[in-house]
Amino acid sequence: MQRFTPPQRLFAYAVAALAGFVDVTGFLQVDGYFVSFMTGNTTLLARDLAGGASRVAVPALLIAGFVIGVVTGTLVGDRLASRRKVVVTALVAALLVCAALARSVELREISLGLLVVAMGALNTALSANRESPVGLTYMTGALVRTGQLLADRIAGDRKANPLPFALLWLSLLAGALGGAVVGLYWGAASLWVACAFALALCLAAMRIPARAPTA
């Protein structure tokens, strides 16, 4: 996050907010599983395996779908690397529109699959640097960096700034809160709000200089 320009940081915060919004929407649809938080799904997979749960395939397929989304987003983004943010967010928006359409005709499983692929792809929007990627739909790394930089600050390093990583976490929290409120009141229609959010991100990405330094 320290390497990002101000527009890139704002874009990253918006992506995290979208991830939180969609994750809550998926969570409400699938009764306790996640579409972007794969650490949680891995824990649930272990629980279901140990307990012999009949739904053991659910977390396994969600994890596989997420990886497929990362692969797809990476391939698409690498093909048009100079416009990575635009093409990846356009891909995510298209997947979310398809998910909303599937949900509107009660194809819940297909809708859920499209949501998890979309969230996997979303993580590649700022992934030009393979060695040090920024997680945009999960916040453990952001919280670790917040704690590390806060410790450096306390130890006397005045250049250490935990705020960008803390704001990344807060962005996901804000998006998740918005998704929970909209989902509880509007139900499946909340997916269309997510589509509009993703399209707005795609338009915003067009305004970020193509040759600016990336993550």
C-alpha atoms as a PDB file:
ATOM      1  CA  MET A   1       0.000   0.000   0.000  1.00  0.00           C
ATOM      2  CA  GLN A   2       2.889   2.398   0.674  1.00  0.00           C
ATOM      3  CA  ARG A   3       3.947   2.129  -2.983  1.00  0.00           C
ATOM      4  CA  PHE A   4       0.519   3.120  -4.277  1.00  0.00           C
ATOM      5  CA  THR A   5      -0.316   6.546  -5.599  1.00  0.00           C
ATOM      6  CA  PRO A   6      -3.322   8.272  -3.943  1.00  0.00           C
ATOM      7  CA  PRO A   7      -5.687   7.233  -6.781  1.00  0.00           C
ATOM      8  CA  GLN A   8      -4.485   3.627  -6.498  1.00  0.00           C
ATOM      9  CA  ARG A   9      -5.102   3.642  -2.752  1.00  0.00           C
ATOM     10  CA  LEU A  10      -8.623   4.942  -3.214  1.00  0.00           C
ATOM     11  CA  PHE A  11      -9.193   2.274  -5.846  1.00  0.00           C
ATOM     12  CA  ALA A  12      -7.907  -0.433  -3.472  1.00  0.00           C
ATOM     13  CA  TYR A  13     -10.218   0.794  -0.711  1.00  0.00           C
ATOM     14  CA  ALA A  14     -13.183   0.713  -3.103  1.00  0.00           C
ATOM     15  CA  VAL A  15     -12.284  -2.819  -4.239  1.00  0.00           C
ATOM     16  CA  ALA A  16     -12.119  -3.973  -0.610  1.00  0.00           C
ATOM     17  CA  ALA A  17     -15.518  -2.393   0.045  1.00  0.00           C
ATOM     18  CA  LEU A  18     -16.996  -4.234  -2.958  1.00  0.00           C
ATOM     19  CA  ALA A  19     -15.494  -7.485  -1.684  1.00  0.00           C
ATOM     20  CA  GLY A  20     -17.080  -6.983   1.726  1.00  0.00           C
ATOM     21  CA  PHE A  21     -20.442  -6.173   0.150  1.00  0.00           C
ATOM     22  CA  VAL A  22     -20.419  -9.263  -2.072  1.00  0.00           C
ATOM     23  CA  ASP A  23     -19.088 -11.565   0.640  1.00  0.00           C
ATOM     24  CA  VAL A  24     -21.979 -10.728   2.945  1.00  0.00           C
ATOM     25  CA  THR A  25     -24.435 -11.182   0.067  1.00  0.00           C
ATOM     26  CA  GLY A  26     -23.026 -14.635  -0.658  1.00  0.00           C
ATOM     27  CA  PHE A  27     -22.857 -15.485   3.044  1.00  0.00           C
ATOM     28  CA  LEU A  28     -26.556 -14.769   3.430  1.00  0.00           C
ATOM     29  CA  GLN A  29     -27.369 -16.879   0.349  1.00  0.00           C
ATOM     30  CA  VAL A  30     -25.372 -19.958   1.291  1.00  0.00           C
ATOM     31  CA  ASP A  31     -26.005 -20.057   5.041  1.00  0.00           C
ATOM     32  CA  GLY A  32     -22.607 -19.530   6.584  1.00  0.00           C
ATOM     33  CA  TYR A  33     -20.054 -19.999   3.817  1.00  0.00           C
ATOM     34  CA  PHE A  34     -18.030 -17.267   2.153  1.00  0.00           C
ATOM     35  CA  VAL A  35     -17.465 -16.175  -1.446  1.00  0.00           C
ATOM     36  CA  SER A  36     -14.237 -14.250  -0.823  1.00  0.00           C
ATOM     37  CA  PHE A  37     -12.845 -15.346   2.564  1.00  0.00           C
ATOM     38  CA  MET A  38     -11.136 -18.622   1.705  1.00  0.00           C
ATOM     39  CA  THR A  39      -9.403 -18.977   5.080  1.00  0.00           C
ATOM     40  CA  GLY A  40     -12.846 -19.237   6.624  1.00  0.00           C
ATOM     41  CA  ASN A  41     -13.987 -21.730   3.989  1.00  0.00           C
ATOM     42  CA  THR A  42     -10.866 -23.836   4.589  1.00  0.00           C
ATOM     43  CA  THR A  43     -11.683 -23.974   8.306  1.00  0.00           C
ATOM     44  CA  LEU A  44     -15.275 -24.911   7.487  1.00  0.00           C
ATOM     45  CA  LEU A  45     -14.047 -27.571   5.051  1.00  0.00           C
ATOM     46  CA  ALA A  46     -11.939 -29.128   7.802  1.00  0.00           C
ATOM     47  CA  ARG A  47     -14.908 -29.038  10.183  1.00  0.00           C
ATOM     48  CA  ASP A  48     -17.219 -30.640   7.627  1.00  0.00           C
ATOM     49  CA  LEU A  49     -14.633 -33.336   6.783  1.00  0.00           C
ATOM     50  CA  ALA A  50     -14.124 -34.190  10.431  1.00  0.00           C
ATOM     51  CA  GLY A  51     -17.837 -34.244  11.156  1.00  0.00           C
ATOM     52  CA  GLY A  52     -18.876 -36.094   8.025  1.00  0.00           C
ATOM     53  CA  ALA A  53     -21.193 -33.265   7.017  1.00  0.00           C
ATOM     54  CA  SER A  54     -23.269 -33.867   3.904  1.00  0.00           C
ATOM     55  CA  ARG A  55     -22.381 -30.397   2.600  1.00  0.00           C
ATOM     56  CA  VAL A  56     -18.631 -31.030   2.549  1.00  0.00           C
ATOM     57  CA  ALA A  57     -18.576 -30.332  -1.188  1.00  0.00           C
ATOM     58  CA  VAL A  58     -19.804 -26.763  -0.652  1.00  0.00           C
ATOM     59  CA  PRO A  59     -16.625 -25.241   0.861  1.00  0.00           C
ATOM     60  CA  ALA A  60     -14.433 -27.391  -1.410  1.00  0.00           C
ATOM     61  CA  LEU A  61     -16.177 -26.114  -4.543  1.00  0.00           C
ATOM     62  CA  LEU A  62     -16.108 -22.535  -3.268  1.00  0.00           C
ATOM     63  CA  ILE A  63     -12.335 -22.732  -2.778  1.00  0.00           C
ATOM     64  CA  ALA A  64     -11.892 -24.264  -6.240  1.00  0.00           C
ATOM     65  CA  GLY A  65     -14.080 -21.565  -7.789  1.00  0.00           C
ATOM     66  CA  PHE A  66     -12.060 -18.849  -6.108  1.00  0.00           C
ATOM     67  CA  VAL A  67      -8.819 -20.260  -7.536  1.00  0.00           C
ATOM     68  CA  ILE A  68     -10.439 -20.442 -10.984  1.00  0.00           C
ATOM     69  CA  GLY A  69     -11.355 -16.775 -10.602  1.00  0.00           C
ATOM     70  CA  VAL A  70      -7.770 -15.857  -9.693  1.00  0.00           C
ATOM     71  CA  VAL A  71      -6.447 -17.790 -12.701  1.00  0.00           C
ATOM     72  CA  THR A  72      -8.965 -16.144 -15.025  1.00  0.00           C
ATOM     73  CA  GLY A  73      -8.354 -12.649 -13.690  1.00  0.00           C
ATOM     74  CA  THR A  74      -4.593 -13.119 -13.915  1.00  0.00           C
ATOM     75  CA  LEU A  75      -4.709 -14.328 -17.513  1.00  0.00           C
ATOM     76  CA  VAL A  76      -7.060 -11.543 -18.583  1.00  0.00           C
ATOM     77  CA  GLY A  77      -5.102  -8.890 -16.706  1.00  0.00           C
ATOM     78  CA  ASP A  78      -1.738 -10.057 -18.047  1.00  0.00           C
ATOM     79  CA  ARG A  79      -3.017  -9.998 -21.624  1.00  0.00           C
ATOM     80  CA  LEU A  80      -3.873  -6.297 -21.253  1.00  0.00           C
ATOM     81  CA  ALA A  81      -1.436  -5.413 -18.492  1.00  0.00           C
ATOM     82  CA  SER A  82      -1.412  -1.678 -19.178  1.00  0.00           C
ATOM     83  CA  ARG A  83      -5.169  -1.586 -18.482  1.00  0.00           C
ATOM     84  CA  ARG A  84      -5.281  -4.325 -15.859  1.00  0.00           C
ATOM     85  CA  LYS A  85      -7.612  -2.514 -13.469  1.00  0.00           C
ATOM     86  CA  VAL A  86     -10.123  -1.710 -16.197  1.00  0.00           C
ATOM     87  CA  VAL A  87     -10.294  -5.159 -17.777  1.00  0.00           C
ATOM     88  CA  VAL A  88     -10.347  -7.049 -14.474  1.00  0.00           C
ATOM     89  CA  THR A  89     -13.075  -4.893 -12.962  1.00  0.00           C
ATOM     90  CA  ALA A  90     -15.048  -5.183 -16.211  1.00  0.00           C
ATOM     91  CA  LEU A  91     -14.718  -8.970 -15.934  1.00  0.00           C
ATOM     92  CA  VAL A  92     -15.875  -8.852 -12.320  1.00  0.00           C
ATOM     93  CA  ALA A  93     -18.831  -6.650 -13.237  1.00  0.00           C
ATOM     94  CA  ALA A  94     -19.855  -9.062 -16.015  1.00  0.00           C
ATOM     95  CA  LEU A  95     -19.651 -12.017 -13.629  1.00  0.00           C
ATOM     96  CA  LEU A  96     -21.741 -10.189 -11.037  1.00  0.00           C
ATOM     97  CA  VAL A  97     -24.391  -9.318 -13.626  1.00  0.00           C
ATOM     98  CA  CYS A  98     -24.578 -12.994 -14.623  1.00  0.00           C
ATOM     99  CA  ALA A  99     -24.794 -13.962 -10.948  1.00  0.00           C
ATOM    100  CA  ALA A 100     -27.656 -11.525 -10.391  1.00  0.00           C
ATOM    101  CA  LEU A 101     -29.507 -12.847 -13.453  1.00  0.00           C
ATOM    102  CA  ALA A 102     -29.031 -16.447 -12.293  1.00  0.00           C
ATOM    103  CA  ARG A 103     -30.280 -15.554  -8.823  1.00  0.00           C
ATOM    104  CA  SER A 104     -33.347 -13.815 -10.262  1.00  0.00           C
ATOM    105  CA  VAL A 105     -34.462 -17.095 -11.869  1.00  0.00           C
ATOM    106  CA  GLU A 106     -33.647 -19.113  -8.736  1.00  0.00           C
ATOM    107  CA  LEU A 107     -30.462 -20.718 -10.074  1.00  0.00           C
ATOM    108  CA  ARG A 108     -28.814 -20.298  -6.677  1.00  0.00           C
ATOM    109  CA  GLU A 109     -25.918 -22.688  -7.211  1.00  0.00           C
ATOM    110  CA  ILE A 110     -24.902 -21.063 -10.485  1.00  0.00           C
ATOM    111  CA  SER A 111     -25.250 -17.614  -8.925  1.00  0.00           C
ATOM    112  CA  LEU A 112     -23.034 -18.616  -6.017  1.00  0.00           C
ATOM    113  CA  GLY A 113     -20.426 -20.107  -8.333  1.00  0.00           C
ATOM    114  CA  LEU A 114     -20.280 -16.912 -10.370  1.00  0.00           C
ATOM    115  CA  LEU A 115     -19.927 -14.824  -7.191  1.00  0.00           C
ATOM    116  CA  VAL A 116     -16.928 -16.788  -5.953  1.00  0.00           C
ATOM    117  CA  VAL A 117     -15.230 -16.699  -9.364  1.00  0.00           C
ATOM    118  CA  ALA A 118     -15.820 -12.937  -9.442  1.00  0.00           C
ATOM    119  CA  MET A 119     -14.199 -12.491  -6.033  1.00  0.00           C
ATOM    120  CA  GLY A 120     -11.194 -14.555  -7.069  1.00  0.00           C
ATOM    121  CA  ALA A 121     -10.772 -12.392 -10.159  1.00  0.00           C
ATOM    122  CA  LEU A 122     -11.185  -9.215  -8.112  1.00  0.00           C
ATOM    123  CA  ASN A 123      -8.020 -10.039  -6.162  1.00  0.00           C
ATOM    124  CA  THR A 124      -5.980  -9.716  -9.375  1.00  0.00           C
ATOM    125  CA  ALA A 125      -6.983  -6.126 -10.107  1.00  0.00           C
ATOM    126  CA  LEU A 126      -3.757  -4.877  -8.484  1.00  0.00           C
ATOM    127  CA  SER A 127      -1.589  -7.959  -8.864  1.00  0.00           C
ATOM    128  CA  ALA A 128       1.126  -6.879 -11.292  1.00  0.00           C
ATOM    129  CA  ASN A 129       3.698  -7.562  -8.563  1.00  0.00           C
ATOM    130  CA  ARG A 130       3.540 -11.337  -8.090  1.00  0.00           C
ATOM    131  CA  GLU A 131       6.043 -11.381  -5.221  1.00  0.00           C
ATOM    132  CA  SER A 132       4.141  -8.961  -3.000  1.00  0.00           C
ATOM    133  CA  PRO A 133       0.451  -9.011  -3.893  1.00  0.00           C
ATOM    134  CA  VAL A 134      -2.067  -7.010  -1.917  1.00  0.00           C
ATOM    135  CA  GLY A 135      -5.016  -9.057  -0.702  1.00  0.00           C
ATOM    136  CA  LEU A 136      -8.167  -7.119  -1.472  1.00  0.00           C
ATOM    137  CA  THR A 137     -10.895  -9.516  -0.351  1.00  0.00           C
ATOM    138  CA  TYR A 138      -9.290 -10.801   2.868  1.00  0.00           C
ATOM    139  CA  MET A 139      -7.780  -8.712   5.628  1.00  0.00           C
ATOM    140  CA  THR A 140      -5.476 -10.872   7.752  1.00  0.00           C
ATOM    141  CA  GLY A 141      -2.425  -9.538   5.916  1.00  0.00           C
ATOM    142  CA  ALA A 142      -3.663  -5.954   6.201  1.00  0.00           C
ATOM    143  CA  LEU A 143      -4.169  -6.325   9.955  1.00  0.00           C
ATOM    144  CA  VAL A 144      -0.714  -7.881  10.348  1.00  0.00           C
ATOM    145  CA  ARG A 145       0.856  -4.972   8.469  1.00  0.00           C
ATOM    146  CA  THR A 146      -1.163  -2.514  10.561  1.00  0.00           C
ATOM    147  CA  GLY A 147       0.187  -4.094  13.745  1.00  0.00           C
ATOM    148  CA  GLN A 148       3.755  -4.232  12.447  1.00  0.00           C
ATOM    149  CA  LEU A 149       3.784  -0.608  11.351  1.00  0.00           C
ATOM    150  CA  LEU A 150       2.131   0.472  14.591  1.00  0.00           C
ATOM    151  CA  ALA A 151       4.874  -1.342  16.497  1.00  0.00           C
ATOM    152  CA  ASP A 152       7.515   0.409  14.365  1.00  0.00           C
ATOM    153  CA  ARG A 153       5.840   3.731  15.100  1.00  0.00           C
ATOM    154  CA  ILE A 154       5.833   3.070  18.821  1.00  0.00           C
ATOM    155  CA  ALA A 155       9.496   2.063  18.601  1.00  0.00           C
ATOM    156  CA  GLY A 156      10.348   5.477  17.164  1.00  0.00           C
ATOM    157  CA  ASP A 157      10.131   5.085  13.383  1.00  0.00           C
ATOM    158  CA  ARG A 158       8.262   8.242  12.407  1.00  0.00           C
ATOM    159  CA  LYS A 159       8.007   7.099   8.790  1.00  0.00           C
ATOM    160  CA  ALA A 160       5.989   3.997   9.696  1.00  0.00           C
ATOM    161  CA  ASN A 161       2.361   4.610   8.759  1.00  0.00           C
ATOM    162  CA  PRO A 162      -0.209   1.942   9.657  1.00  0.00           C
ATOM    163  CA  LEU A 163      -3.142   4.059   8.436  1.00  0.00           C
ATOM    164  CA  PRO A 164      -3.290   2.833   4.790  1.00  0.00           C
ATOM    165  CA  PHE A 165      -3.614  -0.809   5.881  1.00  0.00           C
ATOM    166  CA  ALA A 166      -6.067   0.066   8.652  1.00  0.00           C
ATOM    167  CA  LEU A 167      -8.192   1.936   6.113  1.00  0.00           C
ATOM    168  CA  LEU A 168      -8.119  -1.107   3.826  1.00  0.00           C
ATOM    169  CA  TRP A 169      -9.621  -3.189   6.638  1.00  0.00           C
ATOM    170  CA  LEU A 170     -12.154  -0.481   7.443  1.00  0.00           C
ATOM    171  CA  SER A 171     -13.152  -0.355   3.772  1.00  0.00           C
ATOM    172  CA  LEU A 172     -13.990  -4.049   3.756  1.00  0.00           C
ATOM    173  CA  LEU A 173     -15.893  -3.621   7.024  1.00  0.00           C
ATOM    174  CA  ALA A 174     -17.888  -0.702   5.609  1.00  0.00           C
ATOM    175  CA  GLY A 175     -18.699  -2.640   2.454  1.00  0.00           C
ATOM    176  CA  ALA A 176     -19.757  -5.682   4.450  1.00  0.00           C
ATOM    177  CA  LEU A 177     -21.964  -3.552   6.688  1.00  0.00           C
ATOM    178  CA  GLY A 178     -23.605  -1.989   3.652  1.00  0.00           C
ATOM    179  CA  GLY A 179     -24.075  -5.416   2.077  1.00  0.00           C
ATOM    180  CA  ALA A 180     -25.652  -6.782   5.250  1.00  0.00           C
ATOM    181  CA  VAL A 181     -28.131  -3.909   5.498  1.00  0.00           C
ATOM    182  CA  VAL A 182     -29.056  -4.012   1.801  1.00  0.00           C
ATOM    183  CA  GLY A 183     -29.204  -7.825   1.789  1.00  0.00           C
ATOM    184  CA  LEU A 184     -31.473  -8.018   4.806  1.00  0.00           C
ATOM    185  CA  TYR A 185     -33.925  -5.504   3.351  1.00  0.00           C
ATOM    186  CA  TRP A 186     -33.694  -6.217  -0.380  1.00  0.00           C
ATOM    187  CA  GLY A 187     -32.673  -9.866  -0.448  1.00  0.00           C
ATOM    188  CA  ALA A 188     -31.361 -11.114  -3.789  1.00  0.00           C
ATOM    189  CA  ALA A 189     -31.887  -7.664  -5.325  1.00  0.00           C
ATOM    190  CA  SER A 190     -28.758  -6.577  -3.448  1.00  0.00           C
ATOM    191  CA  LEU A 191     -26.734  -8.327  -6.149  1.00  0.00           C
ATOM    192  CA  TRP A 192     -27.780  -5.610  -8.586  1.00  0.00           C
ATOM    193  CA  VAL A 193     -26.343  -3.024  -6.205  1.00  0.00           C
ATOM    194  CA  ALA A 194     -23.071  -4.980  -6.301  1.00  0.00           C
ATOM    195  CA  CYS A 195     -23.210  -4.908 -10.118  1.00  0.00           C
ATOM    196  CA  ALA A 196     -23.615  -1.134 -10.116  1.00  0.00           C
ATOM    197  CA  PHE A 197     -20.725  -0.836  -7.639  1.00  0.00           C
ATOM    198  CA  ALA A 198     -18.466  -2.947  -9.871  1.00  0.00           C
ATOM    199  CA  LEU A 199     -19.382  -0.947 -12.977  1.00  0.00           C
ATOM    200  CA  ALA A 200     -18.579   2.267 -11.100  1.00  0.00           C
ATOM    201  CA  LEU A 201     -15.200   0.788 -10.183  1.00  0.00           C
ATOM    202  CA  CYS A 202     -14.533  -0.037 -13.821  1.00  0.00           C
ATOM    203  CA  LEU A 203     -15.293   3.552 -14.827  1.00  0.00           C
ATOM    204  CA  ALA A 204     -13.093   4.853 -12.017  1.00  0.00           C
ATOM    205  CA  ALA A 205     -10.254   2.579 -13.145  1.00  0.00           C
ATOM    206  CA  MET A 206     -10.312   4.284 -16.542  1.00  0.00           C
ATOM    207  CA  ARG A 207      -9.305   7.521 -14.822  1.00  0.00           C
ATOM    208  CA  ILE A 208      -6.219   6.047 -13.181  1.00  0.00           C
ATOM    209  CA  PRO A 209      -3.116   6.612 -15.339  1.00  0.00           C
ATOM    210  CA  ALA A 210      -2.302   3.398 -17.180  1.00  0.00           C
ATOM    211  CA  ARG A 211       1.434   3.723 -16.655  1.00  0.00           C
ATOM    212  CA  ALA A 212       1.326   4.657 -12.979  1.00  0.00           C
ATOM    213  CA  PRO A 213       3.247   2.339 -10.632  1.00  0.00           C
ATOM    214  CA  THR A 214       1.200  -0.696  -9.660  1.00  0.00           C
ATOM    215  CA  ALA A 215       1.211  -3.192  -6.832  1.00  0.00           C
END
